[in-house]
N, C-alpha and C. Protein backbone atom coordinates (compact mmCIF):
# COMPACT_ATOMS: atom_id res chain seq x y z
N UNK A 1 10.25 -44.58 33.11
CA UNK A 1 10.93 -43.45 33.26
C UNK A 1 11.62 -43.03 31.55
N UNK A 2 11.79 -43.66 30.81
CA UNK A 2 12.64 -43.39 29.36
C UNK A 2 11.74 -42.93 28.49
N UNK A 3 10.28 -43.39 28.77
CA UNK A 3 9.50 -43.33 28.34
C UNK A 3 9.29 -42.27 27.86
N UNK A 4 8.44 -41.47 28.71
CA UNK A 4 8.39 -39.91 29.46
C UNK A 4 9.40 -39.52 28.88
N UNK A 5 10.57 -39.08 29.04
CA UNK A 5 11.32 -38.09 29.09
C UNK A 5 11.83 -38.42 26.83
N UNK A 6 11.70 -39.56 26.79
CA UNK A 6 11.51 -39.52 25.03
C UNK A 6 10.11 -38.96 24.67
N UNK A 7 8.90 -39.01 25.27
CA UNK A 7 7.58 -37.95 24.90
C UNK A 7 8.42 -36.05 24.97
N UNK A 8 8.67 -35.87 26.09
CA UNK A 8 8.67 -34.76 27.29
C UNK A 8 10.07 -33.80 25.43
N UNK A 9 11.31 -34.30 25.85
CA UNK A 9 11.96 -34.14 24.58
C UNK A 9 11.75 -33.18 23.69
N UNK A 10 10.65 -34.04 22.67
CA UNK A 10 10.28 -33.59 21.80
C UNK A 10 9.42 -32.27 21.78
N UNK A 11 8.50 -32.89 22.89
CA UNK A 11 7.44 -31.59 22.99
C UNK A 11 7.99 -30.62 23.54
N UNK A 12 9.15 -30.59 24.46
CA UNK A 12 9.45 -28.70 24.39
C UNK A 12 10.76 -28.18 23.83
N UNK A 13 10.86 -29.10 22.46
CA UNK A 13 11.33 -28.73 21.64
C UNK A 13 10.91 -27.91 20.59
N UNK A 14 9.39 -28.86 19.89
CA UNK A 14 8.08 -27.86 19.66
C UNK A 14 7.89 -26.53 20.13
N UNK A 15 7.83 -26.62 21.44
CA UNK A 15 7.52 -25.43 22.00
C UNK A 15 9.01 -24.07 22.14
N UNK A 16 9.52 -24.67 21.71
CA UNK A 16 10.52 -23.61 21.42
C UNK A 16 10.32 -23.58 20.38
N UNK A 17 10.47 -24.17 19.15
CA UNK A 17 10.27 -23.53 17.68
C UNK A 17 9.07 -22.87 17.96
N UNK A 18 8.03 -23.49 18.23
CA UNK A 18 6.94 -22.31 17.70
C UNK A 18 7.37 -20.87 18.55
N UNK A 19 7.78 -20.77 19.92
CA UNK A 19 8.02 -19.41 20.24
C UNK A 19 8.83 -18.73 19.71
N UNK A 20 9.81 -19.32 19.22
CA UNK A 20 11.06 -18.71 18.32
C UNK A 20 10.26 -18.34 16.64
N UNK A 21 9.48 -19.02 16.18
CA UNK A 21 8.78 -18.50 14.75
C UNK A 21 8.48 -17.35 15.57
N UNK A 22 7.02 -17.93 16.41
CA UNK A 22 6.05 -16.57 16.44
C UNK A 22 6.71 -15.09 16.99
N UNK A 23 7.94 -14.56 17.97
CA UNK A 23 8.58 -14.19 18.05
C UNK A 23 8.96 -13.24 16.82
N UNK A 24 9.33 -13.71 15.44
CA UNK A 24 10.51 -13.07 14.90
C UNK A 24 9.82 -12.35 13.76
N UNK A 25 8.36 -13.21 14.03
CA UNK A 25 6.85 -12.79 12.80
C UNK A 25 6.23 -11.41 13.05
N UNK A 26 6.50 -10.84 14.24
CA UNK A 26 5.71 -9.96 14.60
C UNK A 26 6.66 -8.83 14.61
N UNK A 27 6.53 -7.76 13.64
CA UNK A 27 6.85 -6.59 13.39
C UNK A 27 6.68 -6.20 13.54
N UNK A 28 6.27 -4.24 13.82
CA UNK A 28 6.20 -3.53 14.20
C UNK A 28 6.33 -2.58 12.70
N UNK A 29 5.11 -2.08 12.73
CA UNK A 29 5.63 -0.81 11.32
C UNK A 29 4.77 0.33 11.62
N UNK A 30 5.75 1.78 11.25
CA UNK A 30 4.54 2.75 11.25
C UNK A 30 4.29 3.38 9.76
N UNK A 31 3.61 2.01 8.92
CA UNK A 31 2.77 2.52 8.57
C UNK A 31 1.65 3.56 7.72
N UNK A 32 1.65 4.70 7.04
CA UNK A 32 0.56 5.23 6.88
C UNK A 32 -0.22 4.70 5.66
N UNK A 33 -1.78 4.41 5.68
CA UNK A 33 -2.27 3.93 4.21
C UNK A 33 -3.21 5.46 3.97
N UNK A 34 -3.12 5.70 3.02
CA UNK A 34 -3.99 6.92 2.43
C UNK A 34 -5.04 6.04 1.97
N UNK A 35 -6.15 5.73 2.72
CA UNK A 35 -7.13 5.60 1.50
C UNK A 35 -8.11 6.68 0.42
N UNK A 36 -7.50 6.37 -1.17
CA UNK A 36 -8.73 7.78 -1.52
C UNK A 36 -10.11 6.91 -2.06
N UNK A 37 -10.09 5.43 -2.07
CA UNK A 37 -11.19 5.28 -2.50
C UNK A 37 -11.20 5.24 -3.74
N UNK A 38 -13.31 5.81 -4.29
CA UNK A 38 -13.15 5.77 -5.63
C UNK A 38 -12.33 7.51 -6.26
N UNK A 39 -11.51 7.85 -7.63
CA UNK A 39 -10.89 8.60 -7.58
C UNK A 39 -11.86 9.32 -9.50
N UNK A 40 -12.73 9.81 -9.46
CA UNK A 40 -13.09 9.87 -11.04
C UNK A 40 -12.25 11.07 -11.34
N UNK A 41 -11.85 10.12 -12.74
CA UNK A 41 -10.76 10.67 -13.72
C UNK A 41 -11.68 11.19 -14.84
N UNK A 42 -11.05 12.11 -15.22
CA UNK A 42 -10.57 12.48 -16.93
C UNK A 42 -9.44 12.48 -17.39
N UNK A 43 -9.93 12.29 -18.99
CA UNK A 43 -7.88 11.84 -19.61
C UNK A 43 -7.26 13.75 -19.63
N UNK A 44 -6.13 13.95 -19.11
CA UNK A 44 -5.66 14.74 -18.80
C UNK A 44 -5.92 16.02 -17.97
N UNK A 45 -6.93 15.99 -16.81
CA UNK A 45 -7.62 16.53 -15.89
C UNK A 45 -6.88 15.90 -15.05
N UNK A 46 -6.36 17.27 -14.24
CA UNK A 46 -5.60 17.13 -13.03
C UNK A 46 -6.68 17.07 -11.82
N UNK A 47 -6.39 16.32 -10.67
CA UNK A 47 -6.60 16.39 -9.69
C UNK A 47 -5.76 16.51 -8.33
N UNK A 48 -6.83 16.71 -7.20
CA UNK A 48 -6.38 17.41 -6.06
C UNK A 48 -6.79 16.64 -5.11
N UNK A 49 -6.29 15.54 -4.22
CA UNK A 49 -6.67 15.63 -3.04
C UNK A 49 -6.03 15.95 -1.70
N UNK A 50 -6.70 16.40 -1.12
CA UNK A 50 -6.55 16.49 1.09
C UNK A 50 -5.85 15.17 1.14
N UNK A 51 -5.10 14.94 1.71
CA UNK A 51 -4.12 14.36 2.71
C UNK A 51 -4.30 14.10 4.05
N UNK A 52 -4.04 15.61 4.25
CA UNK A 52 -4.75 15.60 6.14
C UNK A 52 -3.78 16.42 6.26
N UNK A 53 -2.58 17.24 7.56
CA UNK A 53 -1.41 17.32 7.77
C UNK A 53 -0.52 17.88 7.13
N UNK A 54 -1.22 18.83 5.98
CA UNK A 54 -0.84 19.58 4.71
C UNK A 54 0.22 18.97 4.22
N UNK A 55 -0.71 17.78 3.92
CA UNK A 55 -0.74 16.87 2.67
C UNK A 55 -1.32 16.63 1.78
N UNK A 56 -0.69 16.88 0.47
CA UNK A 56 -1.73 16.90 -1.48
C UNK A 56 -1.32 15.52 -1.91
N UNK A 57 -2.35 15.21 -2.76
CA UNK A 57 -1.55 14.40 -3.70
C UNK A 57 -2.43 14.84 -5.14
N UNK A 58 -1.50 15.13 -6.20
CA UNK A 58 -1.54 15.64 -7.25
C UNK A 58 -1.87 14.39 -8.12
N UNK A 59 -2.94 14.10 -8.96
CA UNK A 59 -3.51 13.03 -10.34
C UNK A 59 -3.30 13.25 -10.97
N UNK A 60 -2.57 13.09 -12.47
CA UNK A 60 -2.59 13.63 -13.56
C UNK A 60 -2.91 12.56 -14.19
N UNK A 61 -3.85 11.91 -14.78
CA UNK A 61 -4.53 10.68 -15.56
C UNK A 61 -4.44 10.70 -16.99
N UNK A 62 -4.07 9.55 -17.45
CA UNK A 62 -3.26 9.70 -18.78
C UNK A 62 -4.16 8.28 -19.44
N UNK A 63 -5.14 8.43 -19.78
CA UNK A 63 -5.92 7.41 -20.59
C UNK A 63 -5.48 6.81 -21.87
N UNK A 64 -4.57 6.08 -21.70
CA UNK A 64 -4.47 5.77 -23.50
C UNK A 64 -5.62 5.11 -24.84
N UNK A 65 -4.69 4.90 -25.38
CA UNK A 65 -5.92 4.20 -26.68
C UNK A 65 -6.40 2.93 -26.07
N UNK A 66 -5.09 1.89 -25.75
CA UNK A 66 -5.89 0.54 -25.30
C UNK A 66 -6.70 0.30 -24.20
N UNK A 67 -6.85 1.28 -23.40
CA UNK A 67 -7.93 1.92 -22.48
C UNK A 67 -6.97 1.79 -20.69
N UNK A 68 -6.35 1.21 -21.14
CA UNK A 68 -5.46 1.18 -19.39
C UNK A 68 -5.11 3.15 -19.39
N UNK A 69 -4.66 3.34 -18.20
CA UNK A 69 -4.51 4.58 -17.33
C UNK A 69 -3.97 4.55 -16.71
N UNK A 70 -2.53 5.62 -16.52
CA UNK A 70 -1.40 6.04 -16.54
C UNK A 70 -1.96 6.94 -15.51
N UNK A 71 -1.05 6.66 -14.42
CA UNK A 71 -1.66 7.93 -12.85
C UNK A 71 -0.12 8.42 -12.86
N UNK A 72 -0.09 9.09 -12.65
CA UNK A 72 1.58 9.87 -13.02
C UNK A 72 0.77 11.04 -11.16
N UNK A 73 1.33 10.95 -10.16
CA UNK A 73 0.96 11.28 -8.72
C UNK A 73 2.30 12.29 -8.23
N UNK A 74 2.42 13.46 -7.84
CA UNK A 74 2.89 14.39 -7.10
C UNK A 74 2.35 14.11 -5.83
N UNK A 75 3.33 13.49 -4.46
CA UNK A 75 2.84 13.90 -3.20
C UNK A 75 3.83 14.76 -2.60
N UNK A 76 2.45 15.62 -2.05
CA UNK A 76 3.49 16.65 -1.31
C UNK A 76 2.92 16.92 -0.06
N UNK A 77 4.28 17.54 0.66
CA UNK A 77 3.27 18.32 2.29
C UNK A 77 4.33 19.26 1.84
N UNK A 78 3.21 20.83 2.66
CA UNK A 78 3.79 22.50 2.74
C UNK A 78 4.39 22.80 1.11
N UNK A 79 3.73 22.42 0.55
CA UNK A 79 4.72 22.83 -0.90
C UNK A 79 5.15 22.34 -1.76
N UNK A 80 5.96 21.44 -0.81
CA UNK A 80 7.54 20.21 -1.49
C UNK A 80 7.34 18.94 -1.72
N UNK A 81 7.54 18.96 -3.10
CA UNK A 81 7.63 17.38 -3.10
C UNK A 81 8.14 16.37 -2.91
N UNK A 82 7.55 15.69 -1.81
CA UNK A 82 7.71 13.80 -1.63
C UNK A 82 8.40 13.13 -2.59
N UNK A 83 7.77 13.11 -3.41
CA UNK A 83 7.48 11.65 -4.42
C UNK A 83 7.09 12.50 -5.87
N UNK A 84 7.45 11.40 -6.66
CA UNK A 84 6.53 11.35 -7.65
C UNK A 84 6.54 9.98 -8.72
N UNK A 85 5.76 9.18 -8.18
CA UNK A 85 5.28 7.72 -8.74
C UNK A 85 4.28 8.18 -9.40
N UNK A 86 4.55 6.88 -10.77
CA UNK A 86 3.60 7.14 -11.58
C UNK A 86 3.10 5.55 -11.44
N UNK A 87 1.53 4.68 -11.82
CA UNK A 87 1.42 3.28 -12.03
C UNK A 87 0.36 3.23 -12.80
N UNK A 88 0.23 2.00 -13.65
CA UNK A 88 -0.19 2.09 -15.15
C UNK A 88 -1.06 1.51 -14.41
N UNK A 89 -2.59 0.74 -14.88
CA UNK A 89 -3.87 -0.07 -14.67
C UNK A 89 -5.10 0.15 -15.21
N UNK A 90 -6.35 -0.40 -15.07
CA UNK A 90 -7.45 0.19 -15.44
C UNK A 90 -8.45 0.61 -15.24
N UNK A 91 -9.49 1.39 -15.89
CA UNK A 91 -10.33 1.84 -14.67
C UNK A 91 -11.58 1.11 -13.94
N UNK A 92 -11.51 1.49 -12.77
CA UNK A 92 -11.69 0.30 -12.08
C UNK A 92 -11.44 -0.74 -11.20
N UNK A 93 -10.23 -1.36 -11.48
CA UNK A 93 -9.56 -1.82 -10.71
C UNK A 93 -8.00 -1.02 -9.38
N UNK A 94 -8.10 -1.47 -8.47
CA UNK A 94 -7.88 -0.85 -7.12
C UNK A 94 -6.41 -1.05 -7.57
N UNK A 95 -5.71 -0.06 -7.30
CA UNK A 95 -4.25 -0.02 -7.55
C UNK A 95 -3.76 0.80 -5.72
N UNK A 96 -2.56 -0.27 -5.55
CA UNK A 96 -2.24 0.59 -4.30
C UNK A 96 -1.13 0.30 -4.37
N UNK A 97 0.22 1.90 -3.76
CA UNK A 97 1.18 2.58 -4.33
C UNK A 97 2.16 2.38 -2.93
N UNK A 98 3.44 1.94 -2.60
CA UNK A 98 3.89 2.47 -1.41
C UNK A 98 4.76 3.36 -1.57
N UNK A 99 5.15 3.83 -0.97
CA UNK A 99 6.31 4.89 -0.63
C UNK A 99 7.56 4.77 0.66
N UNK A 100 8.26 4.00 0.62
CA UNK A 100 8.56 4.74 2.18
C UNK A 100 7.80 3.94 2.75
N UNK A 101 7.00 4.83 4.05
CA UNK A 101 6.27 3.69 4.31
C UNK A 101 5.00 4.37 4.84
N UNK A 102 4.61 4.93 3.58
CA UNK A 102 3.21 5.79 2.96
C UNK A 102 2.39 4.52 2.07
N UNK A 103 1.41 4.05 2.14
CA UNK A 103 0.85 3.47 1.22
C UNK A 103 -0.56 3.82 0.52
N UNK A 104 -0.76 4.19 -1.37
CA UNK A 104 -1.68 5.31 -1.59
C UNK A 104 -2.87 3.87 -1.90
N UNK A 105 -4.25 4.40 -1.38
CA UNK A 105 -4.74 2.86 -2.19
C UNK A 105 -5.79 3.73 -2.96
N UNK A 106 -6.20 3.84 -4.21
CA UNK A 106 -7.23 4.19 -4.96
C UNK A 106 -7.40 3.29 -5.89
N UNK A 107 -9.00 3.55 -6.18
CA UNK A 107 -9.83 3.15 -7.74
C UNK A 107 -10.20 4.07 -8.55
N UNK A 108 -9.31 3.83 -9.79
CA UNK A 108 -9.36 5.21 -11.11
C UNK A 108 -11.09 4.43 -11.41
N UNK A 109 -11.32 5.75 -12.06
CA UNK A 109 -13.14 5.41 -12.47
C UNK A 109 -12.95 6.45 -13.78
N UNK A 110 -12.77 6.47 -15.07
CA UNK A 110 -12.44 6.90 -15.87
C UNK A 110 -14.21 7.71 -15.73
N UNK A 111 -14.42 8.68 -16.12
CA UNK A 111 -15.52 9.32 -16.56
C UNK A 111 -15.96 9.11 -18.28
N UNK A 112 -17.05 8.77 -18.45
CA UNK A 112 -17.56 8.67 -19.42
C UNK A 112 -17.97 10.05 -20.04
C-alpha cells in the first residue's frame, strides 16, 4: 500500500506542474501582422503600400555606400501619422518591425 502511495504522489505532483505551466504559457494577443513581401526599392525614391482599413505605409529607402539599406517608414491611418520607425538591413534579407500590436514584415530588394 505504501508503495502505491509513494508512486501516486510524484505522479500527481508532475501532473499539477504540467497543468500549471501549460496554462501560464497560453497567452492570447491581438497582434496584426502586415506582410508586404518583396518590396522593390530605389535609393531615395519613396514608395507607398496600402495596408487596408485606411492605413498606408510610406517607405523611404536610403542605400548606403557599404551596401546596407536604411528604411524610414511612416505608418498612417486616415492621413494621421501613427508611427515612424526606421530599420537598417541589406537587400534581399527579410526584416520584421514591431510597433505596439502591429508587426510589419518585408524583404527589401534594391533595383539595379
